[in-house]
Amino acid sequence: MSYGAARYEQIVAKLEAAGHRITPQRLCIVEALLASDRHPSAEEIFAQVRLISPTTSLATIYKTLDTLKSLGEVLEVESWDNRTHFDGLRPSPHPHIVCTGCGRIDDIDLQGVSALQSEAERVSGFKVDEQRLEFYGRCLKCQETTAANMA
């Protein structure tokens, strides 16, 4: 079983265990979320789901994403475009890098994020419940496009 298929089964099992109905619309939303090679917005998921299930509303997309978030099965990622994007493949907190040119969002693995969280707790006295770490800049492709336009 591929990682995507295993992840799909994991999400469906978590929905069932929490007493949520497994509707065709929910399954389409989970499929669209996991099929994306990027971090899709609700609107992008909606566009994909409507190809298969034309009667699904944007409200259903948002409700399902909220349910998945409450179950710890999706991570919200803020973006420079003022839209929330969603990560269903890696729902635990981890850093992202966001291109301010094309909007691409990539996961990045950095050493020391847990140490940074521990240090934040130590100096503030807070108990950190969650963390978000996003870096913003321009991807290589956008840098090359900008350089080519300036030449």
N, C-alpha and C. Protein backbone atom coordinates (compact mmCIF):
# COMPACT_ATOMS: atom_id res chain seq x y z
N MET A 1 0.86 -1.18 0.00
CA MET A 1 0.00 0.00 0.00
C MET A 1 0.89 1.23 0.00
N SER A 2 0.61 2.20 -0.87
CA SER A 2 1.41 3.41 -0.95
C SER A 2 1.12 4.29 0.26
N TYR A 3 2.01 5.28 0.45
CA TYR A 3 1.82 6.20 1.58
C TYR A 3 0.48 6.92 1.46
N GLY A 4 0.12 7.36 0.24
CA GLY A 4 -1.14 8.05 0.03
C GLY A 4 -2.33 7.18 0.38
N ALA A 5 -2.29 5.91 -0.04
CA ALA A 5 -3.40 4.99 0.25
C ALA A 5 -3.46 4.69 1.75
N ALA A 6 -2.32 4.51 2.36
CA ALA A 6 -2.28 4.26 3.81
C ALA A 6 -2.79 5.48 4.57
N ARG A 7 -2.42 6.66 4.12
CA ARG A 7 -2.86 7.90 4.77
C ARG A 7 -4.38 8.05 4.61
N TYR A 8 -4.89 7.73 3.43
CA TYR A 8 -6.33 7.78 3.17
C TYR A 8 -7.07 6.87 4.15
N GLU A 9 -6.61 5.63 4.28
CA GLU A 9 -7.24 4.67 5.20
C GLU A 9 -7.16 5.15 6.64
N GLN A 10 -6.06 5.77 7.00
CA GLN A 10 -5.88 6.29 8.36
C GLN A 10 -6.91 7.39 8.66
N ILE A 11 -7.11 8.29 7.70
CA ILE A 11 -8.06 9.38 7.89
C ILE A 11 -9.49 8.84 7.97
N VAL A 12 -9.84 7.93 7.09
CA VAL A 12 -11.19 7.35 7.10
C VAL A 12 -11.44 6.62 8.43
N ALA A 13 -10.47 5.87 8.89
CA ALA A 13 -10.61 5.16 10.16
C ALA A 13 -10.80 6.14 11.32
N LYS A 14 -10.07 7.25 11.29
CA LYS A 14 -10.20 8.25 12.36
C LYS A 14 -11.58 8.91 12.32
N LEU A 15 -12.10 9.19 11.13
CA LEU A 15 -13.45 9.73 11.02
C LEU A 15 -14.48 8.76 11.59
N GLU A 16 -14.35 7.49 11.20
CA GLU A 16 -15.28 6.47 11.69
C GLU A 16 -15.20 6.33 13.21
N ALA A 17 -13.99 6.28 13.74
CA ALA A 17 -13.79 6.12 15.19
C ALA A 17 -14.39 7.28 15.98
N ALA A 18 -14.40 8.47 15.36
CA ALA A 18 -14.94 9.65 16.02
C ALA A 18 -16.46 9.78 15.81
N GLY A 19 -17.05 8.81 15.10
CA GLY A 19 -18.49 8.80 14.92
C GLY A 19 -19.01 9.64 13.76
N HIS A 20 -18.12 10.03 12.86
CA HIS A 20 -18.54 10.83 11.70
C HIS A 20 -19.00 9.90 10.58
N ARG A 21 -20.03 10.34 9.87
CA ARG A 21 -20.51 9.57 8.72
C ARG A 21 -19.48 9.61 7.61
N ILE A 22 -19.33 8.50 6.93
CA ILE A 22 -18.40 8.42 5.80
C ILE A 22 -19.23 8.57 4.52
N THR A 23 -19.36 9.82 4.09
CA THR A 23 -20.17 10.12 2.92
C THR A 23 -19.29 10.13 1.66
N PRO A 24 -19.91 9.95 0.52
CA PRO A 24 -19.13 10.04 -0.73
C PRO A 24 -18.42 11.40 -0.88
N GLN A 25 -19.09 12.46 -0.43
CA GLN A 25 -18.48 13.78 -0.51
C GLN A 25 -17.23 13.87 0.36
N ARG A 26 -17.32 13.35 1.58
CA ARG A 26 -16.15 13.37 2.47
C ARG A 26 -15.00 12.58 1.87
N LEU A 27 -15.31 11.44 1.29
CA LEU A 27 -14.27 10.62 0.68
C LEU A 27 -13.61 11.35 -0.49
N CYS A 28 -14.41 12.05 -1.28
CA CYS A 28 -13.86 12.83 -2.40
C CYS A 28 -12.95 13.95 -1.89
N ILE A 29 -13.35 14.58 -0.80
CA ILE A 29 -12.56 15.67 -0.23
C ILE A 29 -11.22 15.13 0.28
N VAL A 30 -11.26 14.01 0.98
CA VAL A 30 -10.01 13.39 1.46
C VAL A 30 -9.12 13.01 0.29
N GLU A 31 -9.71 12.44 -0.74
CA GLU A 31 -8.93 12.06 -1.93
C GLU A 31 -8.27 13.27 -2.58
N ALA A 32 -9.04 14.36 -2.74
CA ALA A 32 -8.50 15.58 -3.36
C ALA A 32 -7.39 16.18 -2.51
N LEU A 33 -7.57 16.16 -1.21
CA LEU A 33 -6.56 16.69 -0.29
C LEU A 33 -5.26 15.91 -0.41
N LEU A 34 -5.36 14.59 -0.45
CA LEU A 34 -4.17 13.75 -0.48
C LEU A 34 -3.56 13.62 -1.87
N ALA A 35 -4.34 13.87 -2.92
CA ALA A 35 -3.84 13.74 -4.28
C ALA A 35 -2.99 14.93 -4.70
N SER A 36 -3.11 16.01 -3.99
CA SER A 36 -2.39 17.22 -4.37
C SER A 36 -0.91 17.11 -4.03
N ASP A 37 -0.06 17.52 -4.96
CA ASP A 37 1.38 17.51 -4.68
C ASP A 37 1.82 18.82 -4.04
N ARG A 38 0.86 19.66 -3.70
CA ARG A 38 1.13 20.91 -3.02
C ARG A 38 0.20 21.01 -1.82
N HIS A 39 0.11 22.12 -1.21
CA HIS A 39 -0.78 22.33 -0.07
C HIS A 39 -1.99 23.11 -0.60
N PRO A 40 -3.06 22.41 -0.95
CA PRO A 40 -4.18 23.07 -1.61
C PRO A 40 -5.00 23.95 -0.67
N SER A 41 -5.62 24.97 -1.23
CA SER A 41 -6.59 25.78 -0.49
C SER A 41 -7.94 25.07 -0.55
N ALA A 42 -8.88 25.53 0.25
CA ALA A 42 -10.23 24.95 0.21
C ALA A 42 -10.84 25.12 -1.18
N GLU A 43 -10.57 26.25 -1.81
CA GLU A 43 -11.10 26.51 -3.14
C GLU A 43 -10.51 25.54 -4.17
N GLU A 44 -9.23 25.22 -4.05
CA GLU A 44 -8.61 24.25 -4.96
C GLU A 44 -9.17 22.85 -4.75
N ILE A 45 -9.39 22.49 -3.50
CA ILE A 45 -10.01 21.19 -3.20
C ILE A 45 -11.43 21.17 -3.76
N PHE A 46 -12.16 22.26 -3.59
CA PHE A 46 -13.52 22.39 -4.11
C PHE A 46 -13.55 22.16 -5.62
N ALA A 47 -12.62 22.78 -6.34
CA ALA A 47 -12.57 22.63 -7.80
C ALA A 47 -12.34 21.17 -8.20
N GLN A 48 -11.48 20.47 -7.47
CA GLN A 48 -11.22 19.06 -7.77
C GLN A 48 -12.43 18.18 -7.44
N VAL A 49 -13.03 18.43 -6.29
CA VAL A 49 -14.17 17.61 -5.86
C VAL A 49 -15.36 17.81 -6.80
N ARG A 50 -15.57 19.02 -7.27
CA ARG A 50 -16.71 19.31 -8.15
C ARG A 50 -16.63 18.54 -9.47
N LEU A 51 -15.42 18.14 -9.88
CA LEU A 51 -15.29 17.34 -11.09
C LEU A 51 -15.92 15.97 -10.93
N ILE A 52 -15.90 15.45 -9.71
CA ILE A 52 -16.42 14.11 -9.42
C ILE A 52 -17.81 14.18 -8.78
N SER A 53 -17.98 15.18 -7.93
CA SER A 53 -19.23 15.32 -7.18
C SER A 53 -19.75 16.75 -7.33
N PRO A 54 -20.43 17.04 -8.45
CA PRO A 54 -20.83 18.42 -8.75
C PRO A 54 -21.78 19.07 -7.76
N THR A 55 -22.45 18.29 -6.94
CA THR A 55 -23.39 18.88 -5.98
C THR A 55 -22.74 19.25 -4.65
N THR A 56 -21.47 18.94 -4.49
CA THR A 56 -20.77 19.27 -3.24
C THR A 56 -20.57 20.78 -3.15
N SER A 57 -20.90 21.34 -2.00
CA SER A 57 -20.77 22.79 -1.82
C SER A 57 -19.43 23.15 -1.18
N LEU A 58 -19.06 24.42 -1.32
CA LEU A 58 -17.85 24.91 -0.67
C LEU A 58 -17.98 24.82 0.84
N ALA A 59 -19.20 25.01 1.35
CA ALA A 59 -19.44 24.88 2.79
C ALA A 59 -19.11 23.47 3.27
N THR A 60 -19.45 22.46 2.47
CA THR A 60 -19.12 21.07 2.82
C THR A 60 -17.61 20.87 2.87
N ILE A 61 -16.90 21.50 1.95
CA ILE A 61 -15.43 21.41 1.95
C ILE A 61 -14.89 21.98 3.25
N TYR A 62 -15.34 23.19 3.60
CA TYR A 62 -14.86 23.83 4.83
C TYR A 62 -15.22 23.03 6.08
N LYS A 63 -16.45 22.51 6.14
CA LYS A 63 -16.87 21.72 7.30
C LYS A 63 -16.02 20.45 7.44
N THR A 64 -15.77 19.80 6.32
CA THR A 64 -14.95 18.59 6.36
C THR A 64 -13.52 18.90 6.77
N LEU A 65 -12.95 19.97 6.23
CA LEU A 65 -11.59 20.36 6.61
C LEU A 65 -11.53 20.72 8.10
N ASP A 66 -12.56 21.41 8.61
CA ASP A 66 -12.61 21.72 10.04
C ASP A 66 -12.67 20.45 10.88
N THR A 67 -13.46 19.48 10.42
CA THR A 67 -13.56 18.20 11.12
C THR A 67 -12.21 17.50 11.13
N LEU A 68 -11.56 17.46 9.97
CA LEU A 68 -10.24 16.81 9.88
C LEU A 68 -9.22 17.53 10.74
N LYS A 69 -9.31 18.85 10.80
CA LYS A 69 -8.39 19.61 11.65
C LYS A 69 -8.62 19.27 13.12
N SER A 70 -9.90 19.20 13.53
CA SER A 70 -10.20 18.89 14.93
C SER A 70 -9.74 17.49 15.32
N LEU A 71 -9.66 16.59 14.33
CA LEU A 71 -9.19 15.22 14.58
C LEU A 71 -7.66 15.11 14.48
N GLY A 72 -7.00 16.23 14.17
CA GLY A 72 -5.55 16.21 14.03
C GLY A 72 -5.07 15.57 12.74
N GLU A 73 -5.95 15.54 11.73
CA GLU A 73 -5.61 14.88 10.47
C GLU A 73 -5.29 15.84 9.33
N VAL A 74 -5.36 17.12 9.61
CA VAL A 74 -4.98 18.11 8.60
C VAL A 74 -4.35 19.30 9.34
N LEU A 75 -3.38 19.90 8.70
CA LEU A 75 -2.68 21.04 9.27
C LEU A 75 -2.97 22.25 8.40
N GLU A 76 -3.37 23.35 9.02
CA GLU A 76 -3.57 24.59 8.28
C GLU A 76 -2.23 25.28 8.08
N VAL A 77 -2.04 25.82 6.88
CA VAL A 77 -0.82 26.54 6.56
C VAL A 77 -1.23 27.92 6.04
N GLU A 78 -0.78 28.95 6.74
CA GLU A 78 -1.06 30.32 6.28
C GLU A 78 -0.18 30.62 5.09
N SER A 79 -0.65 31.47 4.21
CA SER A 79 0.11 31.80 3.01
C SER A 79 0.09 33.29 2.78
N TRP A 80 0.95 33.74 1.94
CA TRP A 80 1.03 35.16 1.61
C TRP A 80 -0.19 35.64 0.85
N ASP A 81 -0.96 34.74 0.25
CA ASP A 81 -2.11 35.13 -0.56
C ASP A 81 -3.40 35.28 0.25
N ASN A 82 -3.27 35.30 1.59
CA ASN A 82 -4.41 35.46 2.50
C ASN A 82 -5.44 34.34 2.40
N ARG A 83 -5.02 33.20 1.88
CA ARG A 83 -5.87 32.01 1.86
C ARG A 83 -5.21 30.96 2.73
N THR A 84 -6.02 30.20 3.39
CA THR A 84 -5.49 29.10 4.18
C THR A 84 -5.31 27.91 3.26
N HIS A 85 -4.18 27.25 3.39
CA HIS A 85 -3.89 26.04 2.63
C HIS A 85 -3.86 24.89 3.63
N PHE A 86 -3.94 23.67 3.12
CA PHE A 86 -4.07 22.51 4.00
C PHE A 86 -3.05 21.44 3.65
N ASP A 87 -2.49 20.84 4.69
CA ASP A 87 -1.52 19.76 4.55
C ASP A 87 -2.14 18.52 5.19
N GLY A 88 -2.55 17.58 4.36
CA GLY A 88 -3.13 16.35 4.86
C GLY A 88 -2.14 15.21 4.91
N LEU A 89 -1.00 15.39 4.25
CA LEU A 89 0.00 14.32 4.24
C LEU A 89 0.84 14.32 5.50
N ARG A 90 1.15 15.51 6.01
CA ARG A 90 1.95 15.64 7.24
C ARG A 90 1.19 16.55 8.20
N PRO A 91 0.23 16.00 8.96
CA PRO A 91 -0.62 16.85 9.78
C PRO A 91 -0.01 17.32 11.10
N SER A 92 1.17 16.85 11.44
CA SER A 92 1.79 17.33 12.67
C SER A 92 2.59 18.60 12.35
N PRO A 93 2.74 19.49 13.32
CA PRO A 93 3.43 20.75 13.05
C PRO A 93 4.84 20.54 12.50
N HIS A 94 5.14 21.26 11.43
CA HIS A 94 6.47 21.24 10.82
C HIS A 94 6.62 22.52 10.00
N PRO A 95 7.84 22.93 9.75
CA PRO A 95 8.05 24.18 9.01
C PRO A 95 7.68 24.07 7.53
N HIS A 96 7.30 25.22 6.98
CA HIS A 96 6.99 25.34 5.56
C HIS A 96 7.76 26.53 4.99
N ILE A 97 7.99 26.48 3.69
CA ILE A 97 8.58 27.61 2.99
C ILE A 97 7.62 27.98 1.87
N VAL A 98 7.28 29.26 1.78
CA VAL A 98 6.23 29.75 0.90
C VAL A 98 6.83 30.72 -0.10
N CYS A 99 6.56 30.50 -1.39
CA CYS A 99 7.03 31.41 -2.43
C CYS A 99 6.04 32.56 -2.57
N THR A 100 6.53 33.77 -2.43
CA THR A 100 5.68 34.95 -2.56
C THR A 100 5.46 35.32 -4.02
N GLY A 101 6.11 34.61 -4.93
CA GLY A 101 5.90 34.84 -6.35
C GLY A 101 4.77 33.98 -6.89
N CYS A 102 4.93 32.67 -6.81
CA CYS A 102 3.95 31.74 -7.40
C CYS A 102 3.02 31.10 -6.38
N GLY A 103 3.31 31.25 -5.10
CA GLY A 103 2.45 30.68 -4.06
C GLY A 103 2.78 29.26 -3.66
N ARG A 104 3.81 28.69 -4.26
CA ARG A 104 4.20 27.31 -3.94
C ARG A 104 4.53 27.20 -2.44
N ILE A 105 4.09 26.12 -1.84
CA ILE A 105 4.36 25.85 -0.43
C ILE A 105 5.04 24.49 -0.34
N ASP A 106 6.21 24.45 0.26
CA ASP A 106 6.94 23.20 0.44
C ASP A 106 7.16 22.92 1.92
N ASP A 107 7.16 21.63 2.26
CA ASP A 107 7.57 21.21 3.60
C ASP A 107 9.08 21.30 3.65
N ILE A 108 9.60 21.70 4.79
CA ILE A 108 11.05 21.64 4.98
C ILE A 108 11.32 21.00 6.33
N ASP A 109 12.33 20.17 6.35
CA ASP A 109 12.74 19.52 7.59
C ASP A 109 13.95 20.27 8.13
N LEU A 110 13.81 20.81 9.32
CA LEU A 110 14.89 21.56 9.94
C LEU A 110 15.20 20.95 11.30
N GLN A 111 16.45 20.83 11.58
CA GLN A 111 16.87 20.38 12.90
C GLN A 111 16.70 21.55 13.88
N GLY A 112 16.34 21.26 15.08
CA GLY A 112 16.32 22.30 16.11
C GLY A 112 14.97 22.96 16.34
N VAL A 113 13.92 22.57 15.63
CA VAL A 113 12.61 23.20 15.84
C VAL A 113 12.09 22.87 17.24
N SER A 114 12.26 21.62 17.70
CA SER A 114 11.81 21.26 19.06
C SER A 114 12.59 22.03 20.11
N ALA A 115 13.88 22.20 19.85
CA ALA A 115 14.71 22.96 20.80
C ALA A 115 14.23 24.41 20.85
N LEU A 116 13.86 24.95 19.72
CA LEU A 116 13.35 26.33 19.66
C LEU A 116 12.05 26.44 20.45
N GLN A 117 11.18 25.45 20.32
CA GLN A 117 9.93 25.45 21.08
C GLN A 117 10.21 25.36 22.58
N SER A 118 11.13 24.50 22.96
CA SER A 118 11.49 24.37 24.38
C SER A 118 12.07 25.68 24.92
N GLU A 119 12.88 26.33 24.11
CA GLU A 119 13.46 27.62 24.52
C GLU A 119 12.37 28.68 24.67
N ALA A 120 11.40 28.69 23.76
CA ALA A 120 10.28 29.63 23.86
C ALA A 120 9.51 29.41 25.15
N GLU A 121 9.29 28.15 25.51
CA GLU A 121 8.60 27.84 26.76
C GLU A 121 9.43 28.29 27.96
N ARG A 122 10.72 28.03 27.91
CA ARG A 122 11.60 28.38 29.03
C ARG A 122 11.63 29.88 29.28
N VAL A 123 11.80 30.67 28.23
CA VAL A 123 11.95 32.12 28.44
C VAL A 123 10.62 32.81 28.70
N SER A 124 9.50 32.22 28.27
CA SER A 124 8.20 32.88 28.44
C SER A 124 7.40 32.36 29.62
N GLY A 125 7.67 31.12 30.03
CA GLY A 125 6.84 30.50 31.05
C GLY A 125 5.56 29.89 30.48
N PHE A 126 5.36 30.02 29.20
CA PHE A 126 4.19 29.44 28.54
C PHE A 126 4.39 27.94 28.36
N LYS A 127 3.27 27.23 28.20
CA LYS A 127 3.29 25.85 27.73
C LYS A 127 2.77 25.92 26.30
N VAL A 128 3.62 25.66 25.33
CA VAL A 128 3.25 25.77 23.92
C VAL A 128 2.37 24.59 23.54
N ASP A 129 1.19 24.88 23.01
CA ASP A 129 0.26 23.85 22.56
C ASP A 129 0.50 23.49 21.10
N GLU A 130 0.87 24.48 20.30
CA GLU A 130 1.17 24.23 18.90
C GLU A 130 2.12 25.31 18.43
N GLN A 131 2.78 25.04 17.33
CA GLN A 131 3.66 26.04 16.75
C GLN A 131 3.50 26.03 15.25
N ARG A 132 3.76 27.17 14.66
CA ARG A 132 3.76 27.31 13.20
C ARG A 132 5.03 28.04 12.83
N LEU A 133 5.68 27.53 11.83
CA LEU A 133 6.90 28.18 11.37
C LEU A 133 6.88 28.19 9.85
N GLU A 134 6.74 29.38 9.29
CA GLU A 134 6.73 29.53 7.85
C GLU A 134 7.79 30.55 7.46
N PHE A 135 8.48 30.23 6.40
CA PHE A 135 9.46 31.14 5.82
C PHE A 135 8.89 31.61 4.50
N TYR A 136 9.11 32.87 4.17
CA TYR A 136 8.60 33.45 2.94
C TYR A 136 9.75 33.96 2.09
N GLY A 137 9.66 33.73 0.80
CA GLY A 137 10.68 34.20 -0.12
C GLY A 137 10.27 33.81 -1.53
N ARG A 138 11.23 33.79 -2.43
CA ARG A 138 10.95 33.45 -3.82
C ARG A 138 11.68 32.16 -4.18
N CYS A 139 10.93 31.24 -4.78
CA CYS A 139 11.52 29.97 -5.19
C CYS A 139 12.50 30.20 -6.34
N LEU A 140 13.29 29.18 -6.64
CA LEU A 140 14.31 29.30 -7.68
C LEU A 140 13.69 29.68 -9.03
N LYS A 141 12.56 29.07 -9.38
CA LYS A 141 11.92 29.37 -10.66
C LYS A 141 11.50 30.84 -10.73
N CYS A 142 10.92 31.37 -9.66
CA CYS A 142 10.51 32.78 -9.64
C CYS A 142 11.73 33.70 -9.65
N GLN A 143 12.81 33.30 -8.97
CA GLN A 143 14.03 34.10 -9.01
C GLN A 143 14.57 34.17 -10.44
N GLU A 144 14.56 33.03 -11.12
CA GLU A 144 15.05 33.00 -12.51
C GLU A 144 14.18 33.83 -13.44
N THR A 145 12.85 33.77 -13.23
CA THR A 145 11.93 34.56 -14.05
C THR A 145 12.17 36.05 -13.84
N THR A 146 12.35 36.44 -12.58
CA THR A 146 12.63 37.85 -12.28
C THR A 146 13.94 38.29 -12.90
N ALA A 147 14.97 37.45 -12.78
CA ALA A 147 16.27 37.78 -13.36
C ALA A 147 16.17 37.89 -14.89
N ALA A 148 15.43 37.01 -15.53
CA ALA A 148 15.29 37.02 -16.99
C ALA A 148 14.53 38.28 -17.43
N ASN A 149 13.54 38.71 -16.64
CA ASN A 149 12.77 39.91 -16.98
C ASN A 149 13.58 41.19 -16.81
N MET A 150 14.58 41.13 -15.94
CA MET A 150 15.41 42.32 -15.69
C MET A 150 16.53 42.42 -16.71
N ALA A 151 16.83 41.33 -17.42
CA ALA A 151 17.94 41.34 -18.38
C ALA A 151 17.56 41.98 -19.69
